[in-house]
Amino acid sequence: MEKPDPDNPGKPEADALRGPGGLTLHEIHAQVKLSTARDRADSTQHEPRQAVSRWRQITRWAWGKNKGRS
């Protein structure tokens, strides 16, 4: 049974709501925060991307504009 929120009598309390897998919304939020922090830490450990030359940027732009034309 979902407990009503004292501030909003028509809406259930956030801790009582269950999402996919039976987790509460607060538990899902905590897991998402942990996974994004882990992903950010992993992305900083990799080598930075090489800068794309100006010529390559222009050719990619032109190739994309003319895609589908004969």
Protein backbone atom coordinates (compact mmCIF):
# COMPACT_ATOMS: atom_id res chain seq x y z
CA MET A 1 0.00 0.00 0.00
CA GLU A 2 1.36 3.40 -0.94
CA LYS A 3 1.57 6.03 1.78
CA PRO A 4 0.10 9.43 0.89
CA ASP A 5 2.39 12.44 0.84
CA PRO A 6 1.35 14.95 3.54
CA ASP A 7 2.11 17.89 1.21
CA ASN A 8 0.12 16.46 -1.72
CA PRO A 9 -2.77 14.34 -0.41
CA GLY A 10 -3.62 13.01 -3.88
CA LYS A 11 -0.11 11.76 -4.70
CA PRO A 12 1.76 8.84 -3.10
CA GLU A 13 5.09 9.37 -1.32
CA ALA A 14 8.20 9.03 -3.52
CA ASP A 15 9.72 6.28 -1.32
CA ALA A 16 6.59 4.19 -1.76
CA LEU A 17 6.63 4.29 -5.57
CA ARG A 18 8.27 1.29 -7.18
CA GLY A 19 9.97 1.35 -10.55
CA PRO A 20 11.21 -1.45 -12.80
CA GLY A 21 12.75 -4.33 -10.85
CA GLY A 22 10.94 -3.37 -7.65
CA LEU A 23 13.34 -0.58 -6.69
CA THR A 24 12.09 2.68 -5.20
CA LEU A 25 12.64 5.85 -7.16
CA HIS A 26 15.27 6.99 -4.64
CA GLU A 27 17.22 3.73 -5.09
CA ILE A 28 17.09 4.10 -8.88
CA HIS A 29 18.30 7.69 -8.59
CA ALA A 30 21.23 6.64 -6.36
CA GLN A 31 22.25 3.91 -8.83
CA VAL A 32 22.10 6.32 -11.76
CA LYS A 33 24.30 8.82 -9.89
CA LEU A 34 26.87 6.09 -9.16
CA SER A 35 26.92 4.83 -12.75
CA THR A 36 27.31 8.31 -14.26
CA ALA A 37 30.16 9.10 -11.84
CA ARG A 38 31.83 5.82 -12.82
CA ASP A 39 31.36 6.56 -16.54
CA ARG A 40 32.84 10.03 -16.15
CA ALA A 41 35.85 8.62 -14.31
CA ASP A 42 36.37 6.04 -17.07
CA SER A 43 36.12 8.63 -19.83
CA THR A 44 38.81 10.83 -18.24
CA GLN A 45 41.25 7.91 -18.08
CA HIS A 46 41.18 7.33 -21.84
CA GLU A 47 43.42 9.23 -24.17
CA PRO A 48 41.89 12.45 -25.43
CA ARG A 49 40.63 12.53 -29.00
CA GLN A 50 42.92 13.77 -31.71
CA ALA A 51 41.92 17.07 -33.19
CA VAL A 52 40.20 16.70 -36.55
CA SER A 53 41.84 18.79 -39.24
CA ARG A 54 39.93 21.66 -40.79
CA TRP A 55 40.06 19.97 -44.21
CA ARG A 56 38.53 16.78 -42.82
CA GLN A 57 35.73 18.77 -41.14
CA ILE A 58 34.90 20.51 -44.43
CA THR A 59 34.91 17.26 -46.42
CA ARG A 60 32.67 15.54 -43.87
CA TRP A 61 30.27 18.48 -43.95
CA ALA A 62 30.18 18.51 -47.77
CA TRP A 63 29.80 14.72 -47.92
CA GLY A 64 26.86 14.91 -45.52
CA LYS A 65 25.21 17.71 -47.49
CA ASN A 66 25.46 15.80 -50.78
CA LYS A 67 24.48 12.43 -49.38
CA GLY A 68 21.69 10.89 -51.37
CA ARG A 69 22.37 12.96 -54.49
CA SER A 70 23.71 11.36 -57.63
